[in-house]
């Protein structure tokens, strides 16, 4: 992998304590029975989703959107929507969830050329992460594969994005 610096794996419930989570970047979500908290990031088979964000809220906001979707509070995140197709019961999966981030320090100011370059690097990095995962495991992470990932079977979503 290029010179990307990921954090060590962190339990999902501790994600808000990750340094530099306010910035845009890449995030990898793993589901495993093994406690991997504190372990150095690797492209492990248990990674089930790799995502990115360039939003003003940074990684903190995007991971919060993932969380509210897997808790079935609001549908904010497409990958998390697919995630609940397999892991419908949040209580049963929450202690198996881990995250590692690769933040890109920038102000996310679309008028600043340095920030625009950094945000372009974030988008590029997501593809590189996917490629590295595919090279190692021969497939996309399950919830990045829109065609074969499980689909949830809840009834509907309101116009406000609330799951019913």
C-alpha atoms as a PDB file:
ATOM      1  CA  UNK A   1       0.000   0.000   0.000  1.00  0.00           C
ATOM      2  CA  UNK A   2       1.169   3.528  -0.606  1.00  0.00           C
ATOM      3  CA  UNK A   3       2.325   5.602   2.352  1.00  0.00           C
ATOM      4  CA  UNK A   4      -1.047   5.792   4.037  1.00  0.00           C
ATOM      5  CA  UNK A   5      -1.094   5.926   7.806  1.00  0.00           C
ATOM      6  CA  UNK A   6      -3.976   4.095   9.384  1.00  0.00           C
ATOM      7  CA  UNK A   7      -4.758   4.112  13.048  1.00  0.00           C
ATOM      8  CA  UNK A   8      -4.596   0.875  14.971  1.00  0.00           C
ATOM      9  CA  UNK A   9      -7.872  -1.023  15.151  1.00  0.00           C
ATOM     10  CA  UNK A  10     -10.327   0.473  17.659  1.00  0.00           C
ATOM     11  CA  UNK A  11     -13.523  -1.018  19.075  1.00  0.00           C
ATOM     12  CA  UNK A  12     -16.538   0.586  17.416  1.00  0.00           C
ATOM     13  CA  UNK A  13     -17.763   2.036  20.709  1.00  0.00           C
ATOM     14  CA  UNK A  14     -14.424   3.867  21.170  1.00  0.00           C
ATOM     15  CA  UNK A  15     -14.294   5.412  17.681  1.00  0.00           C
ATOM     16  CA  UNK A  16     -14.949   8.985  18.858  1.00  0.00           C
ATOM     17  CA  UNK A  17     -11.635   8.917  20.756  1.00  0.00           C
ATOM     18  CA  UNK A  18      -9.570   8.318  17.615  1.00  0.00           C
ATOM     19  CA  UNK A  19      -7.077  11.101  16.948  1.00  0.00           C
ATOM     20  CA  UNK A  20      -7.740  13.200  13.815  1.00  0.00           C
ATOM     21  CA  UNK A  21     -11.256  11.791  13.341  1.00  0.00           C
ATOM     22  CA  UNK A  22     -12.437  15.323  12.519  1.00  0.00           C
ATOM     23  CA  UNK A  23     -10.675  15.201   9.139  1.00  0.00           C
ATOM     24  CA  UNK A  24     -11.755  13.666   5.831  1.00  0.00           C
ATOM     25  CA  UNK A  25     -10.338  10.236   5.082  1.00  0.00           C
ATOM     26  CA  UNK A  26     -10.757   6.506   4.643  1.00  0.00           C
ATOM     27  CA  UNK A  27     -12.308   4.134   7.154  1.00  0.00           C
ATOM     28  CA  UNK A  28     -12.246   0.365   7.314  1.00  0.00           C
ATOM     29  CA  UNK A  29     -14.810  -1.562   9.336  1.00  0.00           C
ATOM     30  CA  UNK A  30     -14.139  -5.124  10.471  1.00  0.00           C
ATOM     31  CA  UNK A  31     -16.415  -7.641  12.164  1.00  0.00           C
ATOM     32  CA  UNK A  32     -14.629 -10.304  14.187  1.00  0.00           C
ATOM     33  CA  UNK A  33     -15.000 -12.377  17.356  1.00  0.00           C
ATOM     34  CA  UNK A  34     -11.303 -11.807  18.032  1.00  0.00           C
ATOM     35  CA  UNK A  35     -10.370  -8.713  20.048  1.00  0.00           C
ATOM     36  CA  UNK A  36      -8.188  -6.768  17.605  1.00  0.00           C
ATOM     37  CA  UNK A  37      -8.312  -3.444  19.448  1.00  0.00           C
ATOM     38  CA  UNK A  38      -4.855  -1.863  19.461  1.00  0.00           C
ATOM     39  CA  UNK A  39      -3.510  -4.093  16.701  1.00  0.00           C
ATOM     40  CA  UNK A  40      -1.779  -2.450  13.771  1.00  0.00           C
ATOM     41  CA  UNK A  41      -3.995  -1.995  10.727  1.00  0.00           C
ATOM     42  CA  UNK A  42      -3.768  -4.717   8.103  1.00  0.00           C
ATOM     43  CA  UNK A  43      -6.005  -5.707   5.169  1.00  0.00           C
ATOM     44  CA  UNK A  44      -7.519  -8.526   7.202  1.00  0.00           C
ATOM     45  CA  UNK A  45     -10.213 -10.769   5.744  1.00  0.00           C
ATOM     46  CA  UNK A  46     -12.650  -9.564   8.416  1.00  0.00           C
ATOM     47  CA  UNK A  47     -12.884  -6.097   6.844  1.00  0.00           C
ATOM     48  CA  UNK A  48     -16.450  -5.917   5.640  1.00  0.00           C
ATOM     49  CA  UNK A  49     -16.571  -2.316   4.449  1.00  0.00           C
ATOM     50  CA  UNK A  50     -14.106   0.326   3.254  1.00  0.00           C
ATOM     51  CA  UNK A  51     -15.439   3.850   2.865  1.00  0.00           C
ATOM     52  CA  UNK A  52     -14.353   7.444   2.507  1.00  0.00           C
ATOM     53  CA  UNK A  53     -15.582  10.909   3.259  1.00  0.00           C
ATOM     54  CA  UNK A  54     -14.777  14.432   2.161  1.00  0.00           C
ATOM     55  CA  UNK A  55     -17.627  15.964   4.128  1.00  0.00           C
ATOM     56  CA  UNK A  56     -17.259  18.968   6.401  1.00  0.00           C
ATOM     57  CA  UNK A  57     -17.980  16.736   9.408  1.00  0.00           C
ATOM     58  CA  UNK A  58     -15.062  14.476   8.515  1.00  0.00           C
ATOM     59  CA  UNK A  59     -14.734  10.868   9.566  1.00  0.00           C
ATOM     60  CA  UNK A  60     -16.552  11.479  12.866  1.00  0.00           C
ATOM     61  CA  UNK A  61     -19.717  12.499  11.041  1.00  0.00           C
ATOM     62  CA  UNK A  62     -19.546   9.690   8.474  1.00  0.00           C
ATOM     63  CA  UNK A  63     -19.011   7.024  11.138  1.00  0.00           C
ATOM     64  CA  UNK A  64     -21.918   8.521  13.089  1.00  0.00           C
ATOM     65  CA  UNK A  65     -24.076   8.141   9.979  1.00  0.00           C
ATOM     66  CA  UNK A  66     -22.965   4.519   9.670  1.00  0.00           C
ATOM     67  CA  UNK A  67     -23.812   3.981  13.338  1.00  0.00           C
ATOM     68  CA  UNK A  68     -27.286   5.539  13.149  1.00  0.00           C
ATOM     69  CA  UNK A  69     -28.059   3.379  10.124  1.00  0.00           C
ATOM     70  CA  UNK A  70     -26.926   0.087  11.686  1.00  0.00           C
ATOM     71  CA  UNK A  71     -28.933   0.994  14.781  1.00  0.00           C
ATOM     72  CA  UNK A  72     -31.867   1.499  12.373  1.00  0.00           C
ATOM     73  CA  UNK A  73     -32.452   5.055  13.604  1.00  0.00           C
ATOM     74  CA  UNK A  74     -31.974   6.918  10.308  1.00  0.00           C
ATOM     75  CA  UNK A  75     -30.857   5.782   6.882  1.00  0.00           C
ATOM     76  CA  UNK A  76     -27.816   7.955   6.194  1.00  0.00           C
ATOM     77  CA  UNK A  77     -25.376   5.440   4.782  1.00  0.00           C
ATOM     78  CA  UNK A  78     -25.704   3.043   1.823  1.00  0.00           C
ATOM     79  CA  UNK A  79     -22.965   0.656   2.965  1.00  0.00           C
ATOM     80  CA  UNK A  80     -24.504   0.463   6.432  1.00  0.00           C
ATOM     81  CA  UNK A  81     -27.878  -0.165   4.834  1.00  0.00           C
ATOM     82  CA  UNK A  82     -26.381  -3.268   3.198  1.00  0.00           C
ATOM     83  CA  UNK A  83     -24.636  -4.107   6.501  1.00  0.00           C
ATOM     84  CA  UNK A  84     -27.956  -4.494   8.313  1.00  0.00           C
ATOM     85  CA  UNK A  85     -28.991  -7.006   5.669  1.00  0.00           C
ATOM     86  CA  UNK A  86     -26.587  -9.391   7.424  1.00  0.00           C
ATOM     87  CA  UNK A  87     -26.384  -7.886  10.911  1.00  0.00           C
ATOM     88  CA  UNK A  88     -29.947  -6.866  11.681  1.00  0.00           C
ATOM     89  CA  UNK A  89     -29.492  -7.026  15.469  1.00  0.00           C
ATOM     90  CA  UNK A  90     -27.127  -4.237  16.543  1.00  0.00           C
ATOM     91  CA  UNK A  91     -26.841  -5.620  20.083  1.00  0.00           C
ATOM     92  CA  UNK A  92     -25.496  -8.914  18.738  1.00  0.00           C
ATOM     93  CA  UNK A  93     -22.842  -7.336  16.504  1.00  0.00           C
ATOM     94  CA  UNK A  94     -21.720  -4.190  18.351  1.00  0.00           C
ATOM     95  CA  UNK A  95     -19.009  -5.935  20.408  1.00  0.00           C
ATOM     96  CA  UNK A  96     -17.546  -7.500  17.241  1.00  0.00           C
ATOM     97  CA  UNK A  97     -17.174  -4.179  15.369  1.00  0.00           C
ATOM     98  CA  UNK A  98     -13.811  -2.508  14.880  1.00  0.00           C
ATOM     99  CA  UNK A  99     -12.721   0.505  12.874  1.00  0.00           C
ATOM    100  CA  UNK A 100      -9.456   1.913  11.605  1.00  0.00           C
ATOM    101  CA  UNK A 101      -9.185   5.300   9.928  1.00  0.00           C
ATOM    102  CA  UNK A 102      -6.725   6.931   7.593  1.00  0.00           C
ATOM    103  CA  UNK A 103      -7.258  10.677   8.085  1.00  0.00           C
ATOM    104  CA  UNK A 104      -6.097  13.353   5.659  1.00  0.00           C
ATOM    105  CA  UNK A 105      -5.385  16.571   7.508  1.00  0.00           C
ATOM    106  CA  UNK A 106      -7.048  19.390   5.617  1.00  0.00           C
ATOM    107  CA  UNK A 107      -9.552  22.139   6.232  1.00  0.00           C
ATOM    108  CA  UNK A 108     -12.072  20.807   3.697  1.00  0.00           C
ATOM    109  CA  UNK A 109     -12.255  24.300   2.189  1.00  0.00           C
ATOM    110  CA  UNK A 110     -13.291  23.980  -1.440  1.00  0.00           C
ATOM    111  CA  UNK A 111     -11.817  27.451  -2.129  1.00  0.00           C
ATOM    112  CA  UNK A 112      -8.377  26.345  -0.967  1.00  0.00           C
ATOM    113  CA  UNK A 113      -6.348  24.477  -3.600  1.00  0.00           C
ATOM    114  CA  UNK A 114      -4.326  22.548  -0.994  1.00  0.00           C
ATOM    115  CA  UNK A 115      -7.549  21.277   0.566  1.00  0.00           C
ATOM    116  CA  UNK A 116      -8.916  20.339  -2.865  1.00  0.00           C
ATOM    117  CA  UNK A 117      -5.752  18.357  -3.592  1.00  0.00           C
ATOM    118  CA  UNK A 118      -6.049  16.567  -0.231  1.00  0.00           C
ATOM    119  CA  UNK A 119      -9.712  15.724  -0.887  1.00  0.00           C
ATOM    120  CA  UNK A 120      -8.753  14.325  -4.292  1.00  0.00           C
ATOM    121  CA  UNK A 121      -6.154  12.172  -2.552  1.00  0.00           C
ATOM    122  CA  UNK A 122      -8.883  10.836  -0.239  1.00  0.00           C
ATOM    123  CA  UNK A 123     -10.972   9.747  -3.222  1.00  0.00           C
ATOM    124  CA  UNK A 124      -7.920   8.126  -4.832  1.00  0.00           C
ATOM    125  CA  UNK A 125      -6.998   6.398  -1.573  1.00  0.00           C
ATOM    126  CA  UNK A 126     -10.389   4.682  -1.352  1.00  0.00           C
ATOM    127  CA  UNK A 127      -9.720   2.984  -4.691  1.00  0.00           C
ATOM    128  CA  UNK A 128      -6.224   2.004  -3.591  1.00  0.00           C
ATOM    129  CA  UNK A 129      -7.598   0.487  -0.388  1.00  0.00           C
ATOM    130  CA  UNK A 130     -10.145  -1.513  -2.433  1.00  0.00           C
ATOM    131  CA  UNK A 131      -7.411  -2.668  -4.821  1.00  0.00           C
ATOM    132  CA  UNK A 132      -5.180  -3.776  -1.936  1.00  0.00           C
ATOM    133  CA  UNK A 133      -8.062  -5.672  -0.363  1.00  0.00           C
ATOM    134  CA  UNK A 134      -8.979  -7.330  -3.681  1.00  0.00           C
ATOM    135  CA  UNK A 135      -5.350  -8.319  -4.336  1.00  0.00           C
ATOM    136  CA  UNK A 136      -5.130  -9.966  -0.934  1.00  0.00           C
ATOM    137  CA  UNK A 137      -8.593 -11.586  -0.740  1.00  0.00           C
ATOM    138  CA  UNK A 138      -9.745 -11.902  -4.346  1.00  0.00           C
ATOM    139  CA  UNK A 139     -12.937  -9.921  -3.820  1.00  0.00           C
ATOM    140  CA  UNK A 140     -14.319  -6.623  -2.532  1.00  0.00           C
ATOM    141  CA  UNK A 141     -15.235  -6.337   1.141  1.00  0.00           C
ATOM    142  CA  UNK A 142     -18.757  -7.799   1.309  1.00  0.00           C
ATOM    143  CA  UNK A 143     -20.631  -4.518   1.820  1.00  0.00           C
ATOM    144  CA  UNK A 144     -18.694  -2.689  -0.882  1.00  0.00           C
ATOM    145  CA  UNK A 145     -20.051  -5.211  -3.383  1.00  0.00           C
ATOM    146  CA  UNK A 146     -23.495  -3.774  -4.105  1.00  0.00           C
ATOM    147  CA  UNK A 147     -24.518  -6.716  -6.288  1.00  0.00           C
ATOM    148  CA  UNK A 148     -23.821  -9.572  -3.899  1.00  0.00           C
ATOM    149  CA  UNK A 149     -24.061  -8.067  -0.414  1.00  0.00           C
ATOM    150  CA  UNK A 150     -27.099  -9.027   1.671  1.00  0.00           C
ATOM    151  CA  UNK A 151     -30.059  -6.671   1.490  1.00  0.00           C
ATOM    152  CA  UNK A 152     -32.144  -5.757   4.530  1.00  0.00           C
ATOM    153  CA  UNK A 153     -35.786  -6.710   4.434  1.00  0.00           C
ATOM    154  CA  UNK A 154     -37.321  -3.960   6.555  1.00  0.00           C
ATOM    155  CA  UNK A 155     -40.536  -2.446   5.308  1.00  0.00           C
ATOM    156  CA  UNK A 156     -39.696   1.109   4.244  1.00  0.00           C
ATOM    157  CA  UNK A 157     -37.858   4.361   4.796  1.00  0.00           C
ATOM    158  CA  UNK A 158     -39.696   7.609   5.450  1.00  0.00           C
ATOM    159  CA  UNK A 159     -38.854  10.752   3.465  1.00  0.00           C
ATOM    160  CA  UNK A 160     -36.863  11.892   6.521  1.00  0.00           C
ATOM    161  CA  UNK A 161     -34.723   8.771   6.267  1.00  0.00           C
ATOM    162  CA  UNK A 162     -36.203   7.011   9.284  1.00  0.00           C
ATOM    163  CA  UNK A 163     -36.364   3.222   9.003  1.00  0.00           C
ATOM    164  CA  UNK A 164     -39.732   1.581   9.590  1.00  0.00           C
END
